[in-house]
Amino acid sequence: MKPFSLFNNRAYLTDSSTRNDSIDEEALGKILKHSGIEGPISRTHLIYEGGDYDTFEIKLENGTCWRIKVSFDSKTPVLKREATVLKNSS
């Protein structure tokens, strides 16, 4: 058996240089602003790209750093569970 056959239809490569960072930065800036966090973004970094959600790290020019998980599916089990824990702990 060839080693690469283990990943047949299970692994995909994408060219990350084709990501449009300006769109990511604009969208993430709007999410931060909606959350009451404002300030110019100095850097965004995609940390995790999953099937249900993506995780970004956002560094603002004032030195603060935020991580945000974004999903287009409001029923994502992982994020629902994390949101419940965060709501109950505050």
PDB file of N, CA and C in Angstrom:
ATOM      1  N   MET A   1       0.844  -1.188   0.000  1.00  0.00           N
ATOM      2  CA  MET A   1       0.000   0.000   0.000  1.00  0.00           C
ATOM      3  C   MET A   1       0.883   1.243   0.000  1.00  0.00           C
ATOM      4  N   LYS A   2       0.533   2.182  -0.839  1.00  0.00           N
ATOM      5  CA  LYS A   2       1.275   3.430  -0.899  1.00  0.00           C
ATOM      6  C   LYS A   2       0.842   4.328   0.264  1.00  0.00           C
ATOM      7  N   PRO A   3       1.799   4.981   0.953  1.00  0.00           N
ATOM      8  CA  PRO A   3       1.443   5.815   2.111  1.00  0.00           C
ATOM      9  C   PRO A   3       0.424   6.901   1.806  1.00  0.00           C
ATOM     10  N   PHE A   4       0.505   7.515   0.619  1.00  0.00           N
ATOM     11  CA  PHE A   4      -0.415   8.614   0.319  1.00  0.00           C
ATOM     12  C   PHE A   4      -1.838   8.119   0.093  1.00  0.00           C
ATOM     13  N   SER A   5      -2.038   6.844  -0.157  1.00  0.00           N
ATOM     14  CA  SER A   5      -3.394   6.337  -0.367  1.00  0.00           C
ATOM     15  C   SER A   5      -4.211   6.379   0.925  1.00  0.00           C
ATOM     16  N   LEU A   6      -3.533   6.451   2.067  1.00  0.00           N
ATOM     17  CA  LEU A   6      -4.248   6.565   3.347  1.00  0.00           C
ATOM     18  C   LEU A   6      -5.058   7.862   3.411  1.00  0.00           C
ATOM     19  N   PHE A   7      -4.611   8.865   2.682  1.00  0.00           N
ATOM     20  CA  PHE A   7      -5.251  10.172   2.733  1.00  0.00           C
ATOM     21  C   PHE A   7      -6.167  10.429   1.541  1.00  0.00           C
ATOM     22  N   ASN A   8      -6.432   9.409   0.749  1.00  0.00           N
ATOM     23  CA  ASN A   8      -7.267   9.555  -0.436  1.00  0.00           C
ATOM     24  C   ASN A   8      -8.627  10.161  -0.070  1.00  0.00           C
ATOM     25  N   ASN A   9      -8.934  11.325  -0.632  1.00  0.00           N
ATOM     26  CA  ASN A   9     -10.179  12.070  -0.374  1.00  0.00           C
ATOM     27  C   ASN A   9     -10.332  12.508   1.083  1.00  0.00           C
ATOM     28  N   ARG A  10      -9.221  12.581   1.830  1.00  0.00           N
ATOM     29  CA  ARG A  10      -9.296  12.993   3.228  1.00  0.00           C
ATOM     30  C   ARG A  10      -8.380  14.168   3.556  1.00  0.00           C
ATOM     31  N   ALA A  11      -7.478  14.475   2.661  1.00  0.00           N
ATOM     32  CA  ALA A  11      -6.540  15.566   2.907  1.00  0.00           C
ATOM     33  C   ALA A  11      -6.505  16.472   1.676  1.00  0.00           C
ATOM     34  N   TYR A  12      -6.475  17.770   1.923  1.00  0.00           N
ATOM     35  CA  TYR A  12      -6.480  18.734   0.830  1.00  0.00           C
ATOM     36  C   TYR A  12      -5.461  19.815   1.112  1.00  0.00           C
ATOM     37  N   LEU A  13      -4.809  20.264   0.080  1.00  0.00           N
ATOM     38  CA  LEU A  13      -3.852  21.363   0.186  1.00  0.00           C
ATOM     39  C   LEU A  13      -4.475  22.612  -0.399  1.00  0.00           C
ATOM     40  N   THR A  14      -4.288  23.716   0.280  1.00  0.00           N
ATOM     41  CA  THR A  14      -4.720  24.993  -0.271  1.00  0.00           C
ATOM     42  C   THR A  14      -3.554  25.965  -0.190  1.00  0.00           C
ATOM     43  N   ASP A  15      -3.499  26.866  -1.113  1.00  0.00           N
ATOM     44  CA  ASP A  15      -2.446  27.859  -1.157  1.00  0.00           C
ATOM     45  C   ASP A  15      -2.833  29.017  -0.247  1.00  0.00           C
ATOM     46  N   SER A  16      -2.207  29.101   0.918  1.00  0.00           N
ATOM     47  CA  SER A  16      -2.591  30.144   1.880  1.00  0.00           C
ATOM     48  C   SER A  16      -2.178  31.530   1.414  1.00  0.00           C
ATOM     49  N   SER A  17      -1.304  31.623   0.431  1.00  0.00           N
ATOM     50  CA  SER A  17      -0.916  32.947  -0.055  1.00  0.00           C
ATOM     51  C   SER A  17      -2.051  33.604  -0.833  1.00  0.00           C
ATOM     52  N   THR A  18      -3.082  32.831  -1.177  1.00  0.00           N
ATOM     53  CA  THR A  18      -4.213  33.400  -1.917  1.00  0.00           C
ATOM     54  C   THR A  18      -5.264  33.987  -0.984  1.00  0.00           C
ATOM     55  N   ARG A  19      -5.097  33.825   0.335  1.00  0.00           N
ATOM     56  CA  ARG A  19      -6.050  34.412   1.274  1.00  0.00           C
ATOM     57  C   ARG A  19      -6.063  35.926   1.099  1.00  0.00           C
ATOM     58  N   ASN A  20      -7.232  36.503   1.254  1.00  0.00           N
ATOM     59  CA  ASN A  20      -7.359  37.953   1.132  1.00  0.00           C
ATOM     60  C   ASN A  20      -7.344  38.545   2.535  1.00  0.00           C
ATOM     61  N   ASP A  21      -6.142  38.892   3.020  1.00  0.00           N
ATOM     62  CA  ASP A  21      -5.996  39.387   4.383  1.00  0.00           C
ATOM     63  C   ASP A  21      -6.748  40.682   4.620  1.00  0.00           C
ATOM     64  N   SER A  22      -6.895  41.523   3.599  1.00  0.00           N
ATOM     65  CA  SER A  22      -7.597  42.789   3.811  1.00  0.00           C
ATOM     66  C   SER A  22      -9.077  42.534   4.112  1.00  0.00           C
ATOM     67  N   ILE A  23      -9.674  41.524   3.471  1.00  0.00           N
ATOM     68  CA  ILE A  23     -11.077  41.190   3.771  1.00  0.00           C
ATOM     69  C   ILE A  23     -11.173  40.597   5.166  1.00  0.00           C
ATOM     70  N   ASP A  24     -10.242  39.687   5.522  1.00  0.00           N
ATOM     71  CA  ASP A  24     -10.227  39.128   6.875  1.00  0.00           C
ATOM     72  C   ASP A  24     -10.115  40.240   7.907  1.00  0.00           C
ATOM     73  N   GLU A  25      -9.195  41.154   7.676  1.00  0.00           N
ATOM     74  CA  GLU A  25      -8.954  42.236   8.627  1.00  0.00           C
ATOM     75  C   GLU A  25     -10.188  43.132   8.764  1.00  0.00           C
ATOM     76  N   GLU A  26     -10.843  43.426   7.664  1.00  0.00           N
ATOM     77  CA  GLU A  26     -12.038  44.267   7.706  1.00  0.00           C
ATOM     78  C   GLU A  26     -13.162  43.568   8.475  1.00  0.00           C
ATOM     79  N   ALA A  27     -13.392  42.309   8.174  1.00  0.00           N
ATOM     80  CA  ALA A  27     -14.456  41.558   8.852  1.00  0.00           C
ATOM     81  C   ALA A  27     -14.153  41.399  10.340  1.00  0.00           C
ATOM     82  N   LEU A  28     -12.923  41.070  10.678  1.00  0.00           N
ATOM     83  CA  LEU A  28     -12.556  40.902  12.084  1.00  0.00           C
ATOM     84  C   LEU A  28     -12.635  42.228  12.832  1.00  0.00           C
ATOM     85  N   GLY A  29     -12.271  43.318  12.163  1.00  0.00           N
ATOM     86  CA  GLY A  29     -12.401  44.638  12.778  1.00  0.00           C
ATOM     87  C   GLY A  29     -13.843  44.970  13.113  1.00  0.00           C
ATOM     88  N   LYS A  30     -14.767  44.607  12.219  1.00  0.00           N
ATOM     89  CA  LYS A  30     -16.191  44.844  12.480  1.00  0.00           C
ATOM     90  C   LYS A  30     -16.691  44.002  13.648  1.00  0.00           C
ATOM     91  N   ILE A  31     -16.220  42.767  13.745  1.00  0.00           N
ATOM     92  CA  ILE A  31     -16.618  41.907  14.865  1.00  0.00           C
ATOM     93  C   ILE A  31     -16.099  42.490  16.173  1.00  0.00           C
ATOM     94  N   LEU A  32     -14.846  42.928  16.186  1.00  0.00           N
ATOM     95  CA  LEU A  32     -14.288  43.537  17.405  1.00  0.00           C
ATOM     96  C   LEU A  32     -15.058  44.789  17.786  1.00  0.00           C
ATOM     97  N   LYS A  33     -15.346  45.639  16.810  1.00  0.00           N
ATOM     98  CA  LYS A  33     -16.074  46.885  17.080  1.00  0.00           C
ATOM     99  C   LYS A  33     -17.450  46.572  17.659  1.00  0.00           C
ATOM    100  N   HIS A  34     -18.131  45.581  17.097  1.00  0.00           N
ATOM    101  CA  HIS A  34     -19.449  45.178  17.598  1.00  0.00           C
ATOM    102  C   HIS A  34     -19.345  44.675  19.047  1.00  0.00           C
ATOM    103  N   SER A  35     -18.183  44.146  19.414  1.00  0.00           N
ATOM    104  CA  SER A  35     -17.962  43.646  20.771  1.00  0.00           C
ATOM    105  C   SER A  35     -17.471  44.735  21.721  1.00  0.00           C
ATOM    106  N   GLY A  36     -17.337  45.969  21.218  1.00  0.00           N
ATOM    107  CA  GLY A  36     -16.901  47.073  22.065  1.00  0.00           C
ATOM    108  C   GLY A  36     -15.394  47.224  22.145  1.00  0.00           C
ATOM    109  N   ILE A  37     -14.667  46.560  21.256  1.00  0.00           N
ATOM    110  CA  ILE A  37     -13.204  46.639  21.231  1.00  0.00           C
ATOM    111  C   ILE A  37     -12.818  47.392  19.969  1.00  0.00           C
ATOM    112  N   GLU A  38     -12.203  48.556  20.154  1.00  0.00           N
ATOM    113  CA  GLU A  38     -11.834  49.357  18.995  1.00  0.00           C
ATOM    114  C   GLU A  38     -10.352  49.668  19.013  1.00  0.00           C
ATOM    115  N   GLY A  39      -9.833  49.882  17.853  1.00  0.00           N
ATOM    116  CA  GLY A  39      -8.431  50.234  17.694  1.00  0.00           C
ATOM    117  C   GLY A  39      -7.914  49.674  16.397  1.00  0.00           C
ATOM    118  N   PRO A  40      -6.908  50.304  15.838  1.00  0.00           N
ATOM    119  CA  PRO A  40      -6.355  49.822  14.577  1.00  0.00           C
ATOM    120  C   PRO A  40      -5.720  48.436  14.744  1.00  0.00           C
ATOM    121  N   ILE A  41      -5.964  47.577  13.775  1.00  0.00           N
ATOM    122  CA  ILE A  41      -5.386  46.242  13.793  1.00  0.00           C
ATOM    123  C   ILE A  41      -3.989  46.308  13.188  1.00  0.00           C
ATOM    124  N   SER A  42      -3.024  45.735  13.887  1.00  0.00           N
ATOM    125  CA  SER A  42      -1.672  45.707  13.332  1.00  0.00           C
ATOM    126  C   SER A  42      -1.398  44.389  12.614  1.00  0.00           C
ATOM    127  N   ARG A  43      -2.097  43.296  13.047  1.00  0.00           N
ATOM    128  CA  ARG A  43      -1.828  42.010  12.419  1.00  0.00           C
ATOM    129  C   ARG A  43      -2.974  41.047  12.681  1.00  0.00           C
ATOM    130  N   THR A  44      -3.315  40.229  11.694  1.00  0.00           N
ATOM    131  CA  THR A  44      -4.245  39.122  11.885  1.00  0.00           C
ATOM    132  C   THR A  44      -3.538  37.848  11.435  1.00  0.00           C
ATOM    133  N   HIS A  45      -3.860  36.765  12.113  1.00  0.00           N
ATOM    134  CA  HIS A  45      -3.234  35.490  11.785  1.00  0.00           C
ATOM    135  C   HIS A  45      -4.279  34.387  11.911  1.00  0.00           C
ATOM    136  N   LEU A  46      -4.430  33.595  10.878  1.00  0.00           N
ATOM    137  CA  LEU A  46      -5.332  32.456  10.919  1.00  0.00           C
ATOM    138  C   LEU A  46      -4.629  31.339  11.679  1.00  0.00           C
ATOM    139  N   ILE A  47      -5.186  30.968  12.837  1.00  0.00           N
ATOM    140  CA  ILE A  47      -4.571  29.944  13.676  1.00  0.00           C
ATOM    141  C   ILE A  47      -5.097  28.549  13.336  1.00  0.00           C
ATOM    142  N   TYR A  48      -6.393  28.460  13.133  1.00  0.00           N
ATOM    143  CA  TYR A  48      -7.021  27.158  12.893  1.00  0.00           C
ATOM    144  C   TYR A  48      -8.117  27.312  11.850  1.00  0.00           C
ATOM    145  N   GLU A  49      -8.103  26.429  10.883  1.00  0.00           N
ATOM    146  CA  GLU A  49      -9.129  26.437   9.847  1.00  0.00           C
ATOM    147  C   GLU A  49      -9.797  25.076   9.884  1.00  0.00           C
ATOM    148  N   GLY A  50     -10.981  25.020  10.485  1.00  0.00           N
ATOM    149  CA  GLY A  50     -11.676  23.751  10.635  1.00  0.00           C
ATOM    150  C   GLY A  50     -12.920  23.678   9.788  1.00  0.00           C
ATOM    151  N   GLY A  51     -13.575  22.542   9.872  1.00  0.00           N
ATOM    152  CA  GLY A  51     -14.803  22.352   9.114  1.00  0.00           C
ATOM    153  C   GLY A  51     -15.953  23.165   9.652  1.00  0.00           C
ATOM    154  N   ASP A  52     -15.971  23.379  10.976  1.00  0.00           N
ATOM    155  CA  ASP A  52     -17.082  24.087  11.607  1.00  0.00           C
ATOM    156  C   ASP A  52     -16.790  25.554  11.907  1.00  0.00           C
ATOM    157  N   TYR A  53     -15.529  25.872  12.153  1.00  0.00           N
ATOM    158  CA  TYR A  53     -15.176  27.247  12.516  1.00  0.00           C
ATOM    159  C   TYR A  53     -13.701  27.496  12.238  1.00  0.00           C
ATOM    160  N   ASP A  54     -13.332  28.775  12.181  1.00  0.00           N
ATOM    161  CA  ASP A  54     -11.947  29.196  12.021  1.00  0.00           C
ATOM    162  C   ASP A  54     -11.558  30.007  13.255  1.00  0.00           C
ATOM    163  N   THR A  55     -10.296  29.946  13.622  1.00  0.00           N
ATOM    164  CA  THR A  55      -9.787  30.707  14.755  1.00  0.00           C
ATOM    165  C   THR A  55      -8.727  31.679  14.262  1.00  0.00           C
ATOM    166  N   PHE A  56      -8.897  32.942  14.643  1.00  0.00           N
ATOM    167  CA  PHE A  56      -7.961  33.996  14.255  1.00  0.00           C
ATOM    168  C   PHE A  56      -7.332  34.611  15.497  1.00  0.00           C
ATOM    169  N   GLU A  57      -6.107  35.073  15.355  1.00  0.00           N
ATOM    170  CA  GLU A  57      -5.466  35.893  16.380  1.00  0.00           C
ATOM    171  C   GLU A  57      -5.370  37.293  15.803  1.00  0.00           C
ATOM    172  N   ILE A  58      -5.789  38.271  16.603  1.00  0.00           N
ATOM    173  CA  ILE A  58      -5.804  39.662  16.153  1.00  0.00           C
ATOM    174  C   ILE A  58      -4.961  40.479  17.119  1.00  0.00           C
ATOM    175  N   LYS A  59      -3.951  41.144  16.593  1.00  0.00           N
ATOM    176  CA  LYS A  59      -3.129  42.023  17.418  1.00  0.00           C
ATOM    177  C   LYS A  59      -3.450  43.459  17.046  1.00  0.00           C
ATOM    178  N   LEU A  60      -3.783  44.243  18.054  1.00  0.00           N
ATOM    179  CA  LEU A  60      -4.072  45.659  17.834  1.00  0.00           C
ATOM    180  C   LEU A  60      -2.802  46.477  17.995  1.00  0.00           C
ATOM    181  N   GLU A  61      -2.813  47.663  17.445  1.00  0.00           N
ATOM    182  CA  GLU A  61      -1.636  48.540  17.525  1.00  0.00           C
ATOM    183  C   GLU A  61      -1.321  48.971  18.954  1.00  0.00           C
ATOM    184  N   ASN A  62      -2.318  48.899  19.861  1.00  0.00           N
ATOM    185  CA  ASN A  62      -2.053  49.265  21.258  1.00  0.00           C
ATOM    186  C   ASN A  62      -1.406  48.120  22.040  1.00  0.00           C
ATOM    187  N   GLY A  63      -1.122  46.990  21.357  1.00  0.00           N
ATOM    188  CA  GLY A  63      -0.415  45.876  21.982  1.00  0.00           C
ATOM    189  C   GLY A  63      -1.311  44.752  22.477  1.00  0.00           C
ATOM    190  N   THR A  64      -2.626  44.990  22.552  1.00  0.00           N
ATOM    191  CA  THR A  64      -3.505  43.919  23.009  1.00  0.00           C
ATOM    192  C   THR A  64      -3.660  42.874  21.910  1.00  0.00           C
ATOM    193  N   CYS A  65      -3.907  41.660  22.345  1.00  0.00           N
ATOM    194  CA  CYS A  65      -4.026  40.548  21.417  1.00  0.00           C
ATOM    195  C   CYS A  65      -5.301  39.775  21.749  1.00  0.00           C
ATOM    196  N   TRP A  66      -6.074  39.465  20.725  1.00  0.00           N
ATOM    197  CA  TRP A  66      -7.351  38.771  20.907  1.00  0.00           C
ATOM    198  C   TRP A  66      -7.387  37.540  20.025  1.00  0.00           C
ATOM    199  N   ARG A  67      -8.089  36.531  20.481  1.00  0.00           N
ATOM    200  CA  ARG A  67      -8.365  35.362  19.641  1.00  0.00           C
ATOM    201  C   ARG A  67      -9.861  35.265  19.466  1.00  0.00           C
ATOM    202  N   ILE A  68     -10.269  34.952  18.245  1.00  0.00           N
ATOM    203  CA  ILE A  68     -11.695  34.904  17.932  1.00  0.00           C
ATOM    204  C   ILE A  68     -11.979  33.664  17.091  1.00  0.00           C
ATOM    205  N   LYS A  69     -13.077  33.011  17.414  1.00  0.00           N
ATOM    206  CA  LYS A  69     -13.537  31.862  16.637  1.00  0.00           C
ATOM    207  C   LYS A  69     -14.747  32.309  15.846  1.00  0.00           C
ATOM    208  N   VAL A  70     -14.730  32.032  14.541  1.00  0.00           N
ATOM    209  CA  VAL A  70     -15.782  32.488  13.642  1.00  0.00           C
ATOM    210  C   VAL A  70     -16.402  31.273  12.951  1.00  0.00           C
ATOM    211  N   SER A  71     -17.736  31.222  12.962  1.00  0.00           N
ATOM    212  CA  SER A  71     -18.443  30.155  12.269  1.00  0.00           C
ATOM    213  C   SER A  71     -19.670  30.732  11.580  1.00  0.00           C
ATOM    214  N   PHE A  72     -20.005  30.198  10.428  1.00  0.00           N
ATOM    215  CA  PHE A  72     -21.230  30.598   9.739  1.00  0.00           C
ATOM    216  C   PHE A  72     -22.389  29.700  10.132  1.00  0.00           C
ATOM    217  N   ASP A  73     -22.114  28.690  10.964  1.00  0.00           N
ATOM    218  CA  ASP A  73     -23.142  27.763  11.427  1.00  0.00           C
ATOM    219  C   ASP A  73     -23.445  28.063  12.891  1.00  0.00           C
ATOM    220  N   SER A  74     -24.640  28.552  13.171  1.00  0.00           N
ATOM    221  CA  SER A  74     -25.004  28.921  14.543  1.00  0.00           C
ATOM    222  C   SER A  74     -25.182  27.705  15.447  1.00  0.00           C
ATOM    223  N   LYS A  75     -25.163  26.523  14.884  1.00  0.00           N
ATOM    224  CA  LYS A  75     -25.368  25.311  15.678  1.00  0.00           C
ATOM    225  C   LYS A  75     -24.082  24.505  15.862  1.00  0.00           C
ATOM    226  N   THR A  76     -22.940  25.109  15.653  1.00  0.00           N
ATOM    227  CA  THR A  76     -21.665  24.411  15.825  1.00  0.00           C
ATOM    228  C   THR A  76     -21.536  23.942  17.268  1.00  0.00           C
ATOM    229  N   PRO A  77     -21.498  22.629  17.518  1.00  0.00           N
ATOM    230  CA  PRO A  77     -21.503  22.100  18.891  1.00  0.00           C
ATOM    231  C   PRO A  77     -20.350  22.604  19.755  1.00  0.00           C
ATOM    232  N   VAL A  78     -19.154  22.666  19.191  1.00  0.00           N
ATOM    233  CA  VAL A  78     -17.999  23.103  19.977  1.00  0.00           C
ATOM    234  C   VAL A  78     -18.183  24.538  20.452  1.00  0.00           C
ATOM    235  N   LEU A  79     -18.597  25.419  19.557  1.00  0.00           N
ATOM    236  CA  LEU A  79     -18.757  26.823  19.933  1.00  0.00           C
ATOM    237  C   LEU A  79     -19.951  27.023  20.855  1.00  0.00           C
ATOM    238  N   LYS A  80     -21.022  26.281  20.665  1.00  0.00           N
ATOM    239  CA  LYS A  80     -22.174  26.383  21.572  1.00  0.00           C
ATOM    240  C   LYS A  80     -21.763  26.002  22.985  1.00  0.00           C
ATOM    241  N   ARG A  81     -20.976  24.913  23.106  1.00  0.00           N
ATOM    242  CA  ARG A  81     -20.527  24.462  24.414  1.00  0.00           C
ATOM    243  C   ARG A  81     -19.604  25.509  25.064  1.00  0.00           C
ATOM    244  N   GLU A  82     -18.678  26.049  24.282  1.00  0.00           N
ATOM    245  CA  GLU A  82     -17.765  27.063  24.816  1.00  0.00           C
ATOM    246  C   GLU A  82     -18.525  28.329  25.201  1.00  0.00           C
ATOM    247  N   ALA A  83     -19.494  28.731  24.405  1.00  0.00           N
ATOM    248  CA  ALA A  83     -20.284  29.938  24.726  1.00  0.00           C
ATOM    249  C   ALA A  83     -21.040  29.741  26.025  1.00  0.00           C
ATOM    250  N   THR A  84     -21.595  28.564  26.241  1.00  0.00           N
ATOM    251  CA  THR A  84     -22.333  28.278  27.477  1.00  0.00           C
ATOM    252  C   THR A  84     -21.404  28.372  28.678  1.00  0.00           C
ATOM    253  N   VAL A  85     -20.213  27.791  28.563  1.00  0.00           N
ATOM    254  CA  VAL A  85     -19.240  27.846  29.664  1.00  0.00           C
ATOM    255  C   VAL A  85     -18.852  29.282  29.953  1.00  0.00           C
ATOM    256  N   LEU A  86     -18.587  30.066  28.908  1.00  0.00           N
ATOM    257  CA  LEU A  86     -18.178  31.465  29.111  1.00  0.00           C
ATOM    258  C   LEU A  86     -19.288  32.292  29.733  1.00  0.00           C
ATOM    259  N   LYS A  87     -20.538  32.077  29.292  1.00  0.00           N
ATOM    260  CA  LYS A  87     -21.666  32.819  29.862  1.00  0.00           C
ATOM    261  C   LYS A  87     -21.870  32.486  31.331  1.00  0.00           C
ATOM    262  N   ASN A  88     -21.699  31.227  31.679  1.00  0.00           N
ATOM    263  CA  ASN A  88     -21.904  30.784  33.061  1.00  0.00           C
ATOM    264  C   ASN A  88     -20.755  31.174  33.984  1.00  0.00           C
ATOM    265  N   SER A  89     -19.594  31.472  33.433  1.00  0.00           N
ATOM    266  CA  SER A  89     -18.442  31.812  34.272  1.00  0.00           C
ATOM    267  C   SER A  89     -18.305  33.309  34.506  1.00  0.00           C
ATOM    268  N   SER A  90     -19.090  34.116  33.804  1.00  0.00           N
ATOM    269  CA  SER A  90     -18.937  35.571  33.974  1.00  0.00           C
ATOM    270  C   SER A  90     -19.921  36.132  34.963  1.00  0.00           C
TER     271      SER A  90
END
